[in-house]
């Protein structure tokens, strides 16, 4: 879970094994190959879509956590703070982490969860318990498919950190497993619940930007110091991805909110992706200046480009730009730009109450930006109006972690349809293997699979939900 075993051959091949049909011209019938050639794999008999399927109502949502590094360890208190939610079990391959997490919850007055660890299969032992409704997966990326799939097969819903899987065949497998088990698997996309992102979504749906033509999102964050830390990413797992993959590793934080505002899988779909990459200079340069020569990283060769850009076309002729950049000197940004025939919003644009700026016709004139604050106040999502104060006290990343957790628990307790589903999760994460496939073809376009198998054209609710209450506790 936190400790990484030997790297498999598929990871060493640049994250493109499942998309090999794109580069070799193979049209095999395997799920990944079918997806790569635009032919979605058939459903098995009795397998049905999970679109519009509500959670079964739960009086209390009992959460188990797999992976207790920085992310998993930081999220457990948020789960426990949501009304009607309790953490019943925690697991990490390092048993001391599991015990420490249980100690931390107990010290906060929460029921002490059962602690599992000490082996790579400890999570499987935990999943044999009968007091788990939802499994939260926060292990290194290479284990997300395995752990998410195991959660579904055990009869539990799953929330998996980004990405839910790194290969197309794994993404298809999660879609199919969700459909067969009738359990939801959701990407833990906290940025979809960001305050600016949700206000931008509501503005787009209210027509303020006119006809949406394009949007930009991504994950641009200087992680060089953390990537070379000997303690922050256990066993340097995240830095090692830069030695074995050319993919855009983590663009979903900005991609997902833009896709939601464009109603991807709800009237439009992503059709093709083409990727570009700059030379991998940043990590080697940082190492040369700041890392001692006896550090293990000096045996590494970095192949992941400093800036990887994905241009994604949609069925309705719109364009999404998704970026990943973590090895260059730059301030944090998710870009968050949405543009249409009557206006544009740009987030992370400089010092302002919201960090965003907007230009709309006919309200604005003179080609001058306006602050986003007044629009956010008017279009603030009901979730932030309802739990914003609690989010500030219980969640990281400006509170959006807690809003994500609160909404998932509320949806499970009230028996609601989730705001996004396994098809959205797979679509957003497909940028990882597809970018590697495009780069292997010299940046030529590759097809984006339709994980909905044709259901994308129907309008349906999403993150722009109607206000609902949390069921009373007790």
Protein backbone atom coordinates (compact mmCIF):
# COMPACT_ATOMS: atom_id res chain seq x y z
CA UNK A 1 0.00 0.00 0.00
CA UNK A 2 2.56 2.62 0.97
CA UNK A 3 5.51 0.37 0.22
CA UNK A 4 5.95 -0.26 -3.49
CA UNK A 5 6.89 -3.75 -4.66
CA UNK A 6 8.95 -4.40 -7.75
CA UNK A 7 7.78 -2.35 -10.72
CA UNK A 8 5.93 -4.38 -13.32
CA UNK A 9 6.97 -4.43 -16.97
CA UNK A 10 3.81 -2.59 -18.05
CA UNK A 11 4.84 0.43 -15.96
CA UNK A 12 8.34 0.40 -17.39
CA UNK A 13 6.92 0.67 -20.88
CA UNK A 14 5.80 4.24 -20.41
CA UNK A 15 2.22 3.75 -19.35
CA UNK A 16 1.12 2.78 -22.84
CA UNK A 17 0.77 -1.00 -22.71
CA UNK A 18 -3.03 -0.89 -22.87
CA UNK A 19 -2.88 1.49 -25.81
CA UNK A 20 -0.34 -0.53 -27.75
CA UNK A 21 -2.89 -1.07 -30.50
CA UNK A 22 -2.63 2.62 -31.27
CA UNK A 23 1.04 2.44 -32.07
CA UNK A 24 1.21 -1.02 -33.58
CA UNK A 25 -2.01 -0.98 -35.57
CA UNK A 26 -3.26 -4.04 -33.72
CA UNK A 27 -7.01 -4.59 -33.54
CA UNK A 28 -7.14 -7.30 -30.92
CA UNK A 29 -10.34 -7.96 -29.01
CA UNK A 30 -8.92 -7.22 -25.56
CA UNK A 31 -10.74 -4.39 -23.76
CA UNK A 32 -7.81 -2.01 -24.06
CA UNK A 33 -7.34 -2.74 -27.74
CA UNK A 34 -11.03 -2.39 -28.48
CA UNK A 35 -11.05 0.97 -26.72
CA UNK A 36 -7.96 2.09 -28.58
CA UNK A 37 -9.57 1.46 -31.95
CA UNK A 38 -12.85 3.10 -30.99
CA UNK A 39 -14.72 -0.21 -30.52
CA UNK A 40 -16.00 -0.47 -26.96
CA UNK A 41 -15.96 -3.97 -25.46
CA UNK A 42 -19.36 -5.61 -25.22
CA UNK A 43 -21.13 -5.95 -21.92
CA UNK A 44 -21.41 -9.44 -20.54
CA UNK A 45 -24.90 -10.93 -20.23
CA UNK A 46 -26.75 -9.31 -17.35
CA UNK A 47 -24.31 -6.41 -17.12
CA UNK A 48 -26.08 -3.05 -17.05
CA UNK A 49 -25.19 0.63 -16.96
CA UNK A 50 -24.68 2.39 -13.64
CA UNK A 51 -25.89 5.74 -15.01
CA UNK A 52 -28.69 7.09 -12.83
CA UNK A 53 -28.36 4.30 -10.27
CA UNK A 54 -28.81 5.66 -6.74
CA UNK A 55 -26.95 4.50 -3.69
CA UNK A 56 -28.96 2.24 -1.44
CA UNK A 57 -29.86 4.33 1.65
CA UNK A 58 -27.54 3.94 4.64
CA UNK A 59 -28.38 4.95 8.17
CA UNK A 60 -24.64 5.27 8.83
CA UNK A 61 -21.84 5.15 6.28
CA UNK A 62 -19.00 2.97 7.48
CA UNK A 63 -15.71 3.78 5.77
CA UNK A 64 -12.56 1.69 5.42
CA UNK A 65 -9.33 3.35 4.30
CA UNK A 66 -6.55 1.68 2.29
CA UNK A 67 -3.31 3.68 2.30
CA UNK A 68 -2.33 6.01 5.13
CA UNK A 69 0.44 8.15 3.73
CA UNK A 70 0.08 11.90 3.46
CA UNK A 71 -3.21 11.82 1.57
CA UNK A 72 -4.95 8.92 3.25
CA UNK A 73 -3.74 9.93 6.69
CA UNK A 74 -4.96 13.46 6.12
CA UNK A 75 -8.44 12.46 4.93
CA UNK A 76 -9.47 10.09 7.72
CA UNK A 77 -10.42 12.87 10.12
CA UNK A 78 -12.61 14.43 7.44
CA UNK A 79 -14.53 11.21 6.93
CA UNK A 80 -15.05 10.87 10.66
CA UNK A 81 -16.28 14.48 10.93
CA UNK A 82 -19.13 14.07 8.42
CA UNK A 83 -22.47 13.54 10.22
CA UNK A 84 -23.54 9.92 10.04
CA UNK A 85 -20.13 8.64 8.95
CA UNK A 86 -17.63 6.56 10.90
CA UNK A 87 -14.26 5.05 10.03
CA UNK A 88 -14.42 1.39 10.98
CA UNK A 89 -11.12 0.09 9.59
CA UNK A 90 -7.78 1.43 8.36
CA UNK A 91 -5.03 -0.35 6.46
CA UNK A 92 -1.48 0.29 5.33
CA UNK A 93 1.31 -2.08 4.44
CA UNK A 94 3.21 -0.34 7.25
CA UNK A 95 1.38 -1.55 10.32
CA UNK A 96 2.66 1.34 12.43
CA UNK A 97 0.84 3.79 10.19
CA UNK A 98 -2.43 1.94 10.62
CA UNK A 99 -2.01 1.94 14.39
CA UNK A 100 -1.10 5.64 14.40
CA UNK A 101 -4.19 6.48 12.33
CA UNK A 102 -6.39 4.53 14.72
CA UNK A 103 -4.74 6.30 17.66
CA UNK A 104 -5.39 9.69 16.06
CA UNK A 105 -9.10 9.04 15.57
CA UNK A 106 -9.44 7.64 19.07
CA UNK A 107 -7.72 10.72 20.50
CA UNK A 108 -10.35 12.88 18.77
CA UNK A 109 -13.12 10.99 20.57
CA UNK A 110 -14.06 8.82 17.59
CA UNK A 111 -14.59 5.05 17.83
CA UNK A 112 -11.28 3.30 17.35
CA UNK A 113 -11.11 1.65 13.91
CA UNK A 114 -9.63 -1.78 13.42
CA UNK A 115 -6.06 -1.54 12.13
CA UNK A 116 -4.61 -3.78 9.42
CA UNK A 117 -1.12 -3.88 7.98
CA UNK A 118 2.21 -5.61 7.75
CA UNK A 119 1.72 -7.27 4.36
CA UNK A 120 0.73 -6.43 0.79
CA UNK A 121 -2.51 -8.39 1.14
CA UNK A 122 -3.58 -6.87 4.44
CA UNK A 123 -6.27 -4.88 2.64
CA UNK A 124 -7.87 -8.15 1.43
CA UNK A 125 -8.15 -9.32 5.02
CA UNK A 126 -9.76 -6.02 5.97
CA UNK A 127 -12.33 -6.34 3.17
CA UNK A 128 -13.63 -9.56 4.74
CA UNK A 129 -15.21 -7.46 7.50
CA UNK A 130 -18.97 -7.01 7.52
CA UNK A 131 -18.99 -3.43 8.83
CA UNK A 132 -17.80 -1.58 5.69
CA UNK A 133 -20.00 0.32 3.22
CA UNK A 134 -17.44 2.49 1.43
CA UNK A 135 -13.74 1.94 0.72
CA UNK A 136 -11.49 4.96 0.29
CA UNK A 137 -8.26 4.18 -1.61
CA UNK A 138 -5.25 6.47 -1.18
CA UNK A 139 -2.32 4.26 -2.15
CA UNK A 140 0.31 5.00 -4.83
CA UNK A 141 -1.09 5.20 -8.35
CA UNK A 142 0.09 1.77 -9.46
CA UNK A 143 -2.19 0.09 -6.89
CA UNK A 144 -5.41 2.05 -7.51
CA UNK A 145 -6.89 -0.40 -10.00
CA UNK A 146 -6.16 -3.41 -7.81
CA UNK A 147 -7.54 -1.87 -4.65
CA UNK A 148 -10.56 -0.22 -6.26
CA UNK A 149 -11.51 -3.42 -8.05
CA UNK A 150 -11.15 -5.45 -4.86
CA UNK A 151 -13.47 -3.04 -3.05
CA UNK A 152 -16.15 -3.47 -5.72
CA UNK A 153 -15.82 -7.26 -5.73
CA UNK A 154 -16.23 -7.27 -1.95
CA UNK A 155 -19.63 -5.61 -2.41
CA UNK A 156 -18.60 -2.10 -1.35
CA UNK A 157 -18.69 1.24 -3.08
CA UNK A 158 -15.28 2.79 -3.69
CA UNK A 159 -13.76 6.27 -3.76
CA UNK A 160 -10.31 6.16 -5.35
CA UNK A 161 -7.69 8.88 -5.43
CA UNK A 162 -6.38 10.16 -8.77
CA UNK A 163 -6.08 8.40 -11.16
CA UNK A 164 -8.44 5.47 -10.61
CA UNK A 165 -6.20 3.50 -12.99
CA UNK A 166 -3.28 4.21 -15.32
CA UNK A 167 -4.12 1.94 -18.29
CA UNK A 168 -7.09 1.78 -20.64
CA UNK A 169 -7.73 -1.91 -20.00
CA UNK A 170 -7.75 -1.20 -16.26
CA UNK A 171 -10.21 1.66 -16.74
CA UNK A 172 -12.51 -0.58 -18.76
CA UNK A 173 -12.17 -3.28 -16.12
CA UNK A 174 -13.31 -0.87 -13.40
CA UNK A 175 -16.28 0.21 -15.52
CA UNK A 176 -17.28 -3.39 -16.16
CA UNK A 177 -16.71 -4.46 -12.55
CA UNK A 178 -18.85 -1.57 -11.32
CA UNK A 179 -21.63 -2.60 -13.71
CA UNK A 180 -21.46 -6.26 -12.71
CA UNK A 181 -21.32 -5.67 -8.97
CA UNK A 182 -23.86 -2.80 -9.05
CA UNK A 183 -21.52 -0.76 -6.88
CA UNK A 184 -20.27 2.74 -7.60
CA UNK A 185 -16.61 3.59 -8.09
CA UNK A 186 -15.85 7.32 -7.98
CA UNK A 187 -12.70 9.32 -8.56
CA UNK A 188 -11.84 11.28 -5.43
CA UNK A 189 -11.90 14.48 -7.48
CA UNK A 190 -12.00 17.10 -4.74
CA UNK A 191 -11.35 19.93 -7.21
CA UNK A 192 -14.71 19.27 -8.81
CA UNK A 193 -16.09 20.58 -5.52
CA UNK A 194 -13.89 23.68 -5.41
CA UNK A 195 -15.85 26.84 -4.68
CA UNK A 196 -14.73 28.70 -7.81
CA UNK A 197 -15.19 25.61 -9.97
CA UNK A 198 -18.77 25.03 -8.85
CA UNK A 199 -19.68 28.70 -9.29
CA UNK A 200 -18.13 28.59 -12.76
CA UNK A 201 -20.19 25.49 -13.54
CA UNK A 202 -23.43 27.18 -12.52
CA UNK A 203 -22.57 30.29 -14.53
CA UNK A 204 -21.90 28.16 -17.60
CA UNK A 205 -25.20 26.31 -17.20
CA UNK A 206 -27.00 29.63 -16.78
CA UNK A 207 -25.62 30.79 -20.13
CA UNK A 208 -23.40 33.63 -18.92
CA UNK A 209 -20.53 32.59 -21.19
CA UNK A 210 -22.80 32.05 -24.20
CA UNK A 211 -22.03 28.99 -26.26
CA UNK A 212 -19.01 27.31 -24.64
CA UNK A 213 -16.21 26.79 -27.17
CA UNK A 214 -13.13 25.88 -25.12
CA UNK A 215 -11.71 25.38 -21.66
CA UNK A 216 -8.33 24.92 -20.03
CA UNK A 217 -7.50 22.99 -16.88
CA UNK A 218 -4.68 21.01 -15.37
CA UNK A 219 -2.28 20.54 -12.51
CA UNK A 220 0.68 22.92 -12.51
CA UNK A 221 2.55 22.82 -9.23
CA UNK A 222 6.26 22.90 -8.43
CA UNK A 223 6.76 19.61 -6.59
CA UNK A 224 10.53 19.31 -7.01
CA UNK A 225 11.38 19.67 -3.33
CA UNK A 226 8.71 17.13 -2.32
CA UNK A 227 9.64 14.74 -5.12
CA UNK A 228 13.20 14.56 -3.82
CA UNK A 229 12.15 14.33 -0.19
CA UNK A 230 13.08 11.03 1.45
CA UNK A 231 9.95 11.06 3.62
CA UNK A 232 7.06 12.80 1.83
CA UNK A 233 6.37 10.21 -0.90
CA UNK A 234 7.06 6.81 0.61
CA UNK A 235 9.83 4.98 -1.27
CA UNK A 236 9.92 7.92 -3.70
CA UNK A 237 7.01 6.36 -5.56
CA UNK A 238 5.87 9.55 -7.23
CA UNK A 239 9.33 10.60 -8.46
CA UNK A 240 9.85 7.13 -9.88
CA UNK A 241 6.91 7.63 -12.22
CA UNK A 242 9.04 10.29 -13.95
CA UNK A 243 11.60 7.57 -14.74
CA UNK A 244 9.18 5.09 -16.31
CA UNK A 245 6.31 6.94 -17.98
CA UNK A 246 5.93 9.63 -20.63
CA UNK A 247 2.24 10.15 -19.78
CA UNK A 248 0.48 13.23 -18.50
CA UNK A 249 0.41 11.75 -15.04
CA UNK A 250 -2.04 13.92 -13.13
CA UNK A 251 -4.08 16.43 -15.18
CA UNK A 252 -7.49 15.50 -13.76
CA UNK A 253 -7.76 18.23 -11.11
CA UNK A 254 -8.20 20.87 -13.78
CA UNK A 255 -9.63 18.65 -16.52
CA UNK A 256 -12.58 17.32 -14.51
CA UNK A 257 -14.20 20.68 -13.59
CA UNK A 258 -13.90 21.92 -17.18
CA UNK A 259 -15.40 18.67 -18.48
CA UNK A 260 -18.29 19.06 -16.03
CA UNK A 261 -18.95 22.62 -17.18
CA UNK A 262 -19.03 21.33 -20.78
CA UNK A 263 -21.47 18.52 -19.84
CA UNK A 264 -19.07 15.80 -20.94
CA UNK A 265 -20.97 12.48 -20.79
CA UNK A 266 -24.16 14.54 -20.40
CA UNK A 267 -24.73 15.76 -23.95
CA UNK A 268 -21.18 15.84 -25.26
CA UNK A 269 -18.17 13.54 -25.13
CA UNK A 270 -14.44 13.66 -25.62
CA UNK A 271 -13.52 12.11 -28.99
CA UNK A 272 -9.79 12.54 -29.68
CA UNK A 273 -6.70 13.49 -27.69
CA UNK A 274 -3.30 14.67 -28.92
CA UNK A 275 -0.39 15.37 -26.62
CA UNK A 276 2.84 17.37 -26.66
CA UNK A 277 5.70 17.26 -24.19
CA UNK A 278 8.65 19.51 -23.46
CA UNK A 279 12.06 18.03 -22.71
CA UNK A 280 12.52 16.50 -19.23
CA UNK A 281 14.96 19.05 -17.80
CA UNK A 282 13.54 20.19 -14.48
CA UNK A 283 14.21 17.26 -12.15
CA UNK A 284 17.75 16.66 -13.38
CA UNK A 285 18.56 20.36 -13.07
CA UNK A 286 17.14 20.52 -9.54
CA UNK A 287 19.07 17.39 -8.56
CA UNK A 288 22.32 18.86 -9.88
CA UNK A 289 21.89 21.98 -7.78
CA UNK A 290 20.42 20.70 -4.53
CA UNK A 291 20.74 16.92 -4.10
CA UNK A 292 23.90 15.30 -2.64
CA UNK A 293 25.79 13.01 -4.99
CA UNK A 294 25.28 10.00 -2.71
CA UNK A 295 21.47 10.28 -2.96
CA UNK A 296 19.75 7.29 -4.67
CA UNK A 297 18.14 9.63 -7.21
CA UNK A 298 21.48 10.01 -9.00
CA UNK A 299 20.95 6.54 -10.46
CA UNK A 300 17.71 7.69 -12.12
CA UNK A 301 17.02 8.95 -15.63
CA UNK A 302 13.95 11.15 -16.06
CA UNK A 303 11.83 10.68 -19.19
CA UNK A 304 8.60 12.47 -18.29
CA UNK A 305 8.39 15.89 -19.95
CA UNK A 306 8.33 18.97 -17.73
CA UNK A 307 5.13 20.25 -19.37
CA UNK A 308 2.73 17.81 -21.02
CA UNK A 309 -0.24 19.35 -22.80
CA UNK A 310 -3.27 17.40 -23.98
CA UNK A 311 -5.62 18.92 -26.56
CA UNK A 312 -8.94 17.10 -26.45
CA UNK A 313 -11.67 17.50 -29.05
CA UNK A 314 -15.34 16.88 -28.29
CA UNK A 315 -18.22 15.61 -30.38
CA UNK A 316 -19.76 19.10 -30.39
CA UNK A 317 -16.59 20.70 -31.72
CA UNK A 318 -15.23 22.12 -28.49
CA UNK A 319 -11.63 21.91 -27.30
CA UNK A 320 -10.24 21.16 -23.85
CA UNK A 321 -6.62 21.82 -22.97
CA UNK A 322 -5.29 19.82 -20.04
CA UNK A 323 -1.78 20.37 -18.66
CA UNK A 324 0.53 18.63 -16.24
CA UNK A 325 3.65 20.37 -14.94
CA UNK A 326 5.27 19.52 -11.61
CA UNK A 327 9.02 19.71 -12.31
CA UNK A 328 9.38 23.39 -13.17
CA UNK A 329 9.65 26.53 -11.01
CA UNK A 330 6.13 27.97 -11.01
CA UNK A 331 3.39 28.82 -8.51
CA UNK A 332 0.45 26.48 -8.05
CA UNK A 333 -2.36 26.62 -10.62
CA UNK A 334 -5.19 24.47 -11.91
CA UNK A 335 -5.69 27.04 -14.72
CA UNK A 336 -9.52 26.85 -14.63
CA UNK A 337 -10.38 28.77 -17.75
CA UNK A 338 -13.74 28.53 -19.49
CA UNK A 339 -14.60 30.54 -22.60
CA UNK A 340 -17.60 30.97 -24.85
CA UNK A 341 -19.24 33.26 -27.37
CA UNK A 342 -20.16 35.87 -24.74
CA UNK A 343 -17.46 35.73 -22.10
CA UNK A 344 -14.59 34.09 -20.30
CA UNK A 345 -13.47 33.28 -16.75
CA UNK A 346 -9.83 32.75 -15.75
CA UNK A 347 -8.85 31.43 -12.35
CA UNK A 348 -5.44 31.84 -10.65
CA UNK A 349 -5.12 35.18 -12.42
CA UNK A 350 -3.54 37.18 -9.60
CA UNK A 351 -4.32 38.71 -6.21
CA UNK A 352 -8.06 39.18 -5.69
CA UNK A 353 -10.66 37.99 -3.15
CA UNK A 354 -11.27 34.86 -5.23
CA UNK A 355 -8.08 34.58 -7.31
CA UNK A 356 -10.15 34.69 -10.50
CA UNK A 357 -11.24 37.23 -13.08
CA UNK A 358 -14.10 37.39 -15.55
CA UNK A 359 -15.19 39.25 -18.68
CA UNK A 360 -18.80 39.01 -19.84
CA UNK A 361 -20.86 40.70 -22.53
CA UNK A 362 -22.90 42.88 -22.36
CA UNK A 363 -22.13 43.58 -18.67
CA UNK A 364 -18.50 44.51 -19.25
CA UNK A 365 -16.92 46.86 -21.74
CA UNK A 366 -13.57 48.36 -22.58
CA UNK A 367 -11.78 45.01 -22.69
CA UNK A 368 -11.25 45.20 -18.93
CA UNK A 369 -11.28 42.24 -16.58
CA UNK A 370 -13.59 42.26 -13.58
CA UNK A 371 -13.14 40.47 -10.29
CA UNK A 372 -14.96 37.17 -9.96
CA UNK A 373 -16.07 37.83 -6.38
CA UNK A 374 -19.54 39.27 -7.08
CA UNK A 375 -20.34 36.48 -9.52
CA UNK A 376 -19.21 33.81 -7.09
CA UNK A 377 -21.40 35.30 -4.42
CA UNK A 378 -24.42 35.15 -6.74
CA UNK A 379 -23.65 31.71 -8.17
CA UNK A 380 -22.20 30.08 -5.06
CA UNK A 381 -23.17 26.41 -5.09
CA UNK A 382 -25.62 25.27 -2.44
CA UNK A 383 -23.07 22.83 -1.04
CA UNK A 384 -20.76 25.70 -0.11
CA UNK A 385 -23.62 27.74 1.30
CA UNK A 386 -24.62 24.77 3.41
CA UNK A 387 -21.33 23.30 4.64
CA UNK A 388 -18.72 25.94 3.80
CA UNK A 389 -18.10 26.80 7.45
CA UNK A 390 -17.72 23.13 8.38
CA UNK A 391 -15.44 22.61 5.39
CA UNK A 392 -13.10 25.35 6.58
CA UNK A 393 -12.73 23.59 9.93
CA UNK A 394 -12.55 19.96 8.81
CA UNK A 395 -11.00 19.76 5.36
CA UNK A 396 -7.83 20.52 3.50
CA UNK A 397 -7.35 22.26 0.16
CA UNK A 398 -9.51 25.21 1.13
CA UNK A 399 -12.32 22.99 2.36
CA UNK A 400 -13.10 21.15 -0.87
CA UNK A 401 -11.86 17.85 0.60
CA UNK A 402 -14.61 17.99 3.20
CA UNK A 403 -17.26 19.11 0.70
CA UNK A 404 -16.42 16.04 -1.40
CA UNK A 405 -16.62 13.76 1.63
CA UNK A 406 -19.82 15.37 2.95
CA UNK A 407 -21.56 15.07 -0.42
CA UNK A 408 -20.61 11.41 -0.91
CA UNK A 409 -21.79 10.50 2.58
CA UNK A 410 -24.98 12.53 2.16
CA UNK A 411 -25.68 10.84 -1.18
CA UNK A 412 -25.20 7.42 0.39
CA UNK A 413 -27.30 8.16 3.45
CA UNK A 414 -30.13 9.74 1.45
CA UNK A 415 -30.03 7.17 -1.36
CA UNK A 416 -29.16 9.69 -4.09
CA UNK A 417 -27.52 9.26 -7.49
CA UNK A 418 -23.86 10.35 -7.21
CA UNK A 419 -22.91 13.68 -8.83
CA UNK A 420 -20.48 11.85 -11.12
CA UNK A 421 -19.89 8.18 -11.74
CA UNK A 422 -17.48 5.52 -12.94
CA UNK A 423 -17.90 6.68 -16.55
CA UNK A 424 -16.86 10.24 -15.70
CA UNK A 425 -14.01 8.91 -13.58
CA UNK A 426 -12.72 6.69 -16.38
CA UNK A 427 -13.09 9.44 -19.00
CA UNK A 428 -11.13 11.98 -16.95
CA UNK A 429 -8.39 9.47 -16.13
CA UNK A 430 -8.08 8.21 -19.70
CA UNK A 431 -5.87 11.24 -20.39
CA UNK A 432 -3.06 9.36 -18.63
CA UNK A 433 -2.69 6.37 -20.99
CA UNK A 434 -3.96 8.26 -24.04
CA UNK A 435 -1.31 10.96 -23.67
CA UNK A 436 1.39 8.30 -23.59
CA UNK A 437 -0.11 6.70 -26.71
CA UNK A 438 -0.26 10.04 -28.56
CA UNK A 439 3.32 10.91 -27.65
CA UNK A 440 4.44 7.47 -28.87
CA UNK A 441 2.88 8.40 -32.22
CA UNK A 442 4.70 11.71 -32.41
CA UNK A 443 1.78 13.67 -30.98
CA UNK A 444 -0.80 12.42 -33.46
CA UNK A 445 -4.42 12.17 -32.25
CA UNK A 446 -5.75 9.03 -30.61
CA UNK A 447 -9.37 8.14 -30.01
CA UNK A 448 -10.95 8.60 -26.59
CA UNK A 449 -13.10 5.60 -25.65
CA UNK A 450 -16.79 6.08 -24.94
CA UNK A 451 -16.98 4.48 -21.53
CA UNK A 452 -20.75 5.14 -21.43
CA UNK A 453 -21.25 2.92 -24.51
CA UNK A 454 -23.47 5.44 -26.23
CA UNK A 455 -25.28 6.94 -23.25
CA UNK A 456 -23.23 10.17 -23.32
CA UNK A 457 -25.73 11.99 -25.57
CA UNK A 458 -28.54 12.03 -22.99
CA UNK A 459 -28.82 15.04 -20.71
CA UNK A 460 -28.72 14.13 -17.03
CA UNK A 461 -27.93 15.75 -13.68
CA UNK A 462 -24.38 16.18 -12.50
CA UNK A 463 -22.47 18.44 -10.13
CA UNK A 464 -25.00 21.24 -10.62
CA UNK A 465 -27.35 19.45 -8.24
CA UNK A 466 -30.50 20.49 -6.43
CA UNK A 467 -30.21 21.36 -2.70
CA UNK A 468 -30.87 18.43 -0.37
CA UNK A 469 -30.45 17.92 3.36
CA UNK A 470 -28.26 15.49 5.23
CA UNK A 471 -30.55 12.92 6.85
CA UNK A 472 -30.72 13.31 10.64
CA UNK A 473 -28.31 11.22 12.67
CA UNK A 474 -29.77 8.68 15.05
